[in-house]
Amino acid sequence: MAEIACTGVSKLYGDSILAVDGIDLTFVSGRTTALLGPSGCGKSTLLRLIAGLEEPTAGTVSIAGDPPAALCRRGGLSIAFQDPCLLPWLTVARNVALGRKLARQAPDPQRVDQLINLVGLGGFQNARPAALSGGMRQRAAIARALITRPQVLLLDEPFGALDALTRRQLAQDLPPLWQEQDATALLVTHSVDEAVMLADRIVVLSPRPARVIADLAVPLPRPRDPETPAFRRLAGDVLAVLARGGEQAQSLAAQ
């Protein structure tokens, strides 16, 4: 199990840019949490701290009691970014298989084929990224992130560059892939609908520096339809929390 604990986590760049300030959060193993907040608030910085790509200025991050680097060395942590970052000279199958190679895991062609089919890319195993649409490239990138069977999956606005229709389709199709692996998933987004669609829990962050202003459960059954009254009510409640957080930040700045 891979519970993530952030204790008093802060990140200061230089002498004056405080990106994250005193975050105390625990992410329960096997659940999906959305980190929601305005652009530039520090969401991606917090994700990078959890991934071990950066070190906190203060506080600690642990995964199952160990530093993030320990899980990374075992191939137990994967990240999918907004840019799919596929290697253009490799086929879809070889891009997906690359995840196991980088994690120093043995090749698993059967798992590669299984994931490619699960993300809806069956028949495109031998295609190169240039022949794929944006949504298809993102599907391949998420398959690559899942190929190691990670305990922790970090998603940094993975649908941000896609059109609304493709985003909605991927938000419906892809969560079961990491949920069936019982992965602990963190999703960075600034889309309220995306957070409600994907997450079991929404952590709302303030404008920079990132502080927790709300921690909300998402009690909606799956699959979720964004047109239902219950979905719209919850999305409206989350949007209201975001608006109040922005107003509070402006008030503090004016003092």
Protein backbone atom coordinates (compact mmCIF):
# COMPACT_ATOMS: atom_id res chain seq x y z
CA MET A 1 0.00 0.00 0.00
CA ALA A 2 1.23 3.50 -0.81
CA GLU A 3 -0.13 6.15 1.52
CA ILE A 4 1.39 9.57 0.83
CA ALA A 5 2.07 11.91 3.75
CA CYS A 6 2.96 15.58 3.36
CA THR A 7 3.93 17.14 6.69
CA GLY A 8 4.52 20.90 6.92
CA VAL A 9 5.65 20.99 3.29
CA SER A 10 6.79 24.37 1.94
CA LYS A 11 8.77 25.34 -1.15
CA LEU A 12 10.62 28.62 -1.54
CA TYR A 13 12.35 29.60 -4.80
CA GLY A 14 15.17 32.05 -4.31
CA ASP A 15 14.58 34.53 -1.51
CA SER A 16 11.08 35.69 -2.34
CA ILE A 17 8.91 33.25 -4.34
CA LEU A 18 6.97 31.04 -1.94
CA ALA A 19 5.16 28.46 -4.07
CA VAL A 20 3.85 26.07 -1.40
CA ASP A 21 3.26 26.99 2.23
CA GLY A 22 2.80 24.57 5.11
CA ILE A 23 0.90 21.74 3.41
CA ASP A 24 -0.30 18.98 5.75
CA LEU A 25 -2.07 16.28 3.75
CA THR A 26 -2.38 12.51 3.76
CA PHE A 27 -3.44 10.73 0.58
CA VAL A 28 -5.07 7.39 1.31
CA SER A 29 -3.76 4.41 -0.59
CA GLY A 30 -5.82 3.30 -3.57
CA ARG A 31 -7.84 6.50 -3.90
CA THR A 32 -7.81 9.28 -6.52
CA THR A 33 -7.38 12.85 -5.31
CA ALA A 34 -7.64 15.98 -7.44
CA LEU A 35 -5.49 19.00 -6.56
CA LEU A 36 -7.59 21.90 -7.75
CA GLY A 37 -6.71 25.58 -7.87
CA PRO A 38 -6.13 28.58 -10.12
CA SER A 39 -3.31 28.60 -12.65
CA GLY A 40 0.06 29.26 -11.07
CA CYS A 41 -1.08 28.49 -7.54
CA GLY A 42 1.55 25.83 -6.85
CA LYS A 43 -0.34 22.63 -7.73
CA SER A 44 2.37 21.29 -10.05
CA THR A 45 5.08 22.27 -7.57
CA LEU A 46 3.37 20.19 -4.89
CA LEU A 47 3.12 17.27 -7.32
CA ARG A 48 6.83 17.55 -8.15
CA LEU A 49 7.65 17.53 -4.44
CA ILE A 50 5.59 14.37 -3.99
CA ALA A 51 7.34 12.82 -7.00
CA GLY A 52 10.75 13.60 -5.53
CA LEU A 53 11.65 15.75 -8.53
CA GLU A 54 12.23 18.65 -6.13
CA GLU A 55 13.05 18.85 -2.44
CA PRO A 56 10.89 20.83 -0.01
CA THR A 57 12.41 23.87 1.65
CA ALA A 58 10.66 22.80 4.84
CA GLY A 59 8.71 19.75 5.91
CA THR A 60 8.76 16.19 4.62
CA VAL A 61 7.12 13.99 1.99
CA SER A 62 6.92 10.24 2.52
CA ILE A 63 5.30 7.39 0.63
CA ALA A 64 4.58 4.28 2.69
CA GLY A 65 7.01 5.71 5.24
CA ASP A 66 9.90 6.13 2.80
CA PRO A 67 11.18 9.09 0.74
CA PRO A 68 9.70 9.27 -2.80
CA ALA A 69 13.06 8.32 -4.30
CA ALA A 70 12.84 4.86 -2.73
CA LEU A 71 9.57 4.11 -4.52
CA CYS A 72 10.92 5.56 -7.78
CA ARG A 73 13.90 3.20 -7.67
CA ARG A 74 11.49 0.26 -7.48
CA GLY A 75 9.45 1.54 -10.43
CA GLY A 76 6.50 2.10 -8.10
CA LEU A 77 5.85 5.73 -9.05
CA SER A 78 4.84 7.00 -12.49
CA ILE A 79 4.05 10.47 -13.83
CA ALA A 80 1.98 11.56 -16.85
CA PHE A 81 2.37 15.18 -17.90
CA GLN A 82 0.27 17.50 -20.05
CA ASP A 83 2.78 16.92 -22.86
CA PRO A 84 2.76 13.17 -23.68
CA CYS A 85 6.54 13.27 -24.29
CA LEU A 86 6.47 10.27 -26.63
CA LEU A 87 9.71 9.53 -28.48
CA PRO A 88 8.87 10.28 -32.13
CA TRP A 89 11.11 7.57 -33.59
CA LEU A 90 9.50 4.78 -31.55
CA THR A 91 6.21 3.02 -32.25
CA VAL A 92 3.33 3.18 -29.80
CA ALA A 93 4.22 -0.29 -28.49
CA ARG A 94 7.87 0.63 -27.97
CA ASN A 95 6.96 3.94 -26.29
CA VAL A 96 4.72 2.08 -23.86
CA ALA A 97 7.35 -0.62 -23.24
CA LEU A 98 9.91 2.11 -22.52
CA GLY A 99 8.28 2.67 -19.14
CA ARG A 100 9.38 -0.77 -17.96
CA LYS A 101 12.88 -0.34 -19.34
CA LEU A 102 13.36 2.99 -17.54
CA ALA A 103 12.12 1.38 -14.31
CA ARG A 104 14.61 -1.49 -14.81
CA GLN A 105 11.78 -4.01 -15.06
CA ALA A 106 11.79 -7.05 -17.32
CA PRO A 107 10.03 -6.68 -20.68
CA ASP A 108 6.37 -7.68 -20.70
CA PRO A 109 5.03 -7.65 -24.29
CA GLN A 110 1.73 -9.17 -23.21
CA ARG A 111 1.12 -6.34 -20.74
CA VAL A 112 2.08 -3.78 -23.41
CA ASP A 113 -0.52 -5.18 -25.80
CA GLN A 114 -3.11 -5.40 -23.02
CA LEU A 115 -2.69 -1.75 -22.03
CA ILE A 116 -2.67 -0.53 -25.62
CA ASN A 117 -6.00 -2.25 -26.15
CA LEU A 118 -7.39 -1.01 -22.83
CA VAL A 119 -6.65 2.63 -23.71
CA GLY A 120 -8.37 2.22 -27.07
CA LEU A 121 -5.30 2.08 -29.31
CA GLY A 122 -5.69 -1.48 -30.58
CA GLY A 123 -4.38 -1.67 -34.13
CA PHE A 124 -1.98 1.26 -33.59
CA GLN A 125 0.83 -0.70 -31.93
CA ASN A 126 3.17 -0.04 -34.86
CA ALA A 127 2.14 3.57 -35.47
CA ARG A 128 4.49 6.42 -34.59
CA PRO A 129 3.35 9.47 -32.61
CA ALA A 130 3.14 11.73 -35.68
CA ALA A 131 0.34 9.52 -37.03
CA LEU A 132 -1.76 9.90 -33.86
CA SER A 133 -4.20 12.56 -32.74
CA GLY A 134 -3.55 14.48 -29.52
CA GLY A 135 -5.99 12.29 -27.61
CA MET A 136 -4.38 9.12 -28.92
CA ARG A 137 -0.92 10.32 -27.93
CA GLN A 138 -2.19 11.07 -24.44
CA ARG A 139 -3.71 7.59 -24.21
CA ALA A 140 -0.33 6.12 -25.16
CA ALA A 141 1.42 8.24 -22.51
CA ILE A 142 -0.96 7.05 -19.80
CA ALA A 143 -0.48 3.44 -20.93
CA ARG A 144 3.28 4.00 -20.56
CA ALA A 145 2.74 5.39 -17.05
CA LEU A 146 0.70 2.31 -16.11
CA ILE A 147 3.01 -0.30 -17.65
CA THR A 148 5.08 -0.63 -14.45
CA ARG A 149 1.94 -1.28 -12.37
CA PRO A 150 2.78 1.73 -10.19
CA GLN A 151 1.63 2.07 -6.63
CA VAL A 152 1.50 5.84 -7.11
CA LEU A 153 0.33 7.58 -10.29
CA LEU A 154 0.81 11.34 -10.61
CA LEU A 155 -1.11 13.15 -13.36
CA ASP A 156 -0.10 16.76 -14.09
CA GLU A 157 -2.95 18.22 -16.18
CA PRO A 158 -2.75 15.24 -18.56
CA PHE A 159 -5.79 16.40 -20.57
CA GLY A 160 -5.05 20.14 -20.50
CA ALA A 161 -4.01 20.46 -24.15
CA LEU A 162 -6.96 18.49 -25.53
CA ASP A 163 -10.33 19.61 -26.84
CA ALA A 164 -13.33 19.42 -24.50
CA LEU A 165 -14.89 16.37 -26.16
CA THR A 166 -11.67 14.34 -26.02
CA ARG A 167 -11.06 15.41 -22.42
CA ARG A 168 -14.49 14.20 -21.37
CA GLN A 169 -14.05 10.87 -23.16
CA LEU A 170 -10.64 10.23 -21.60
CA ALA A 171 -11.97 11.21 -18.17
CA GLN A 172 -14.54 8.43 -18.54
CA ASP A 173 -12.31 5.79 -20.13
CA LEU A 174 -9.03 6.03 -18.25
CA PRO A 175 -9.69 6.07 -14.45
CA PRO A 176 -10.72 2.38 -14.35
CA LEU A 177 -7.23 1.52 -15.61
CA TRP A 178 -5.47 2.81 -12.50
CA GLN A 179 -8.36 2.02 -10.16
CA GLU A 180 -8.16 -1.68 -11.06
CA GLN A 181 -4.47 -1.59 -10.04
CA ASP A 182 -5.44 -0.02 -6.69
CA ALA A 183 -2.97 2.81 -7.40
CA THR A 184 -2.88 5.95 -5.30
CA ALA A 185 -3.53 8.65 -7.91
CA LEU A 186 -3.06 12.42 -7.68
CA LEU A 187 -4.43 14.62 -10.44
CA VAL A 188 -3.44 18.26 -10.89
CA THR A 189 -6.13 20.26 -12.68
CA HIS A 190 -7.73 23.69 -12.82
CA SER A 191 -10.96 22.24 -14.25
CA VAL A 192 -13.75 21.78 -11.71
CA ASP A 193 -15.64 19.33 -13.94
CA GLU A 194 -12.51 17.25 -14.47
CA ALA A 195 -11.89 17.08 -10.73
CA VAL A 196 -15.47 15.99 -10.00
CA MET A 197 -15.42 13.48 -12.86
CA LEU A 198 -12.17 11.76 -11.89
CA ALA A 199 -11.62 12.06 -8.16
CA ASP A 200 -12.78 10.46 -4.94
CA ARG A 201 -11.58 13.58 -3.12
CA ILE A 202 -10.87 17.18 -4.10
CA VAL A 203 -8.26 19.28 -2.31
CA VAL A 204 -8.77 22.95 -3.17
CA LEU A 205 -5.64 25.11 -3.00
CA SER A 206 -5.42 28.87 -2.61
CA PRO A 207 -3.74 31.23 -5.07
CA ARG A 208 0.03 31.14 -4.63
CA PRO A 209 1.45 30.22 -2.24
CA ALA A 210 -0.54 27.00 -2.24
CA ARG A 211 -2.38 26.43 1.02
CA VAL A 212 -5.27 24.03 1.61
CA ILE A 213 -8.56 25.94 1.71
CA ALA A 214 -10.95 22.97 1.40
CA ASP A 215 -10.84 19.18 1.46
CA LEU A 216 -13.97 17.72 -0.13
CA ALA A 217 -15.24 14.18 -0.63
CA VAL A 218 -16.81 13.26 -3.97
CA PRO A 219 -19.67 10.87 -3.05
CA LEU A 220 -20.94 10.35 -6.60
CA PRO A 221 -21.21 6.81 -7.99
CA ARG A 222 -19.30 5.81 -11.12
CA PRO A 223 -19.63 6.17 -14.04
CA ARG A 224 -20.37 9.89 -13.66
CA ASP A 225 -22.45 11.99 -15.99
CA PRO A 226 -21.59 15.71 -15.87
CA GLU A 227 -25.12 16.59 -16.95
CA THR A 228 -26.84 15.10 -13.89
CA PRO A 229 -28.19 17.45 -11.17
CA ALA A 230 -26.00 15.86 -8.47
CA PHE A 231 -22.84 16.39 -10.54
CA ARG A 232 -23.75 20.01 -11.31
CA ARG A 233 -24.56 20.75 -7.67
CA LEU A 234 -21.22 19.41 -6.47
CA ALA A 235 -19.34 21.23 -9.24
CA GLY A 236 -21.12 24.43 -8.23
CA ASP A 237 -20.15 23.93 -4.59
CA VAL A 238 -16.50 23.40 -5.55
CA LEU A 239 -16.55 26.48 -7.79
CA ALA A 240 -17.94 28.53 -4.90
CA VAL A 241 -15.08 27.36 -2.66
CA LEU A 242 -12.57 28.38 -5.33
CA ALA A 243 -14.16 31.82 -5.64
CA ARG A 244 -14.12 32.36 -1.86
CA GLY A 245 -10.46 31.31 -1.76
CA GLY A 246 -9.59 33.90 -4.41
CA GLU A 247 -11.49 36.62 -2.53
CA GLN A 248 -9.70 35.77 0.72
CA ALA A 249 -6.30 35.94 -1.01
CA GLN A 250 -7.12 39.35 -2.50
CA SER A 251 -8.23 40.60 0.92
CA LEU A 252 -5.00 39.44 2.56
CA ALA A 253 -2.92 41.00 -0.22
CA ALA A 254 -4.64 44.34 0.28
CA GLN A 255 -3.88 44.44 4.01
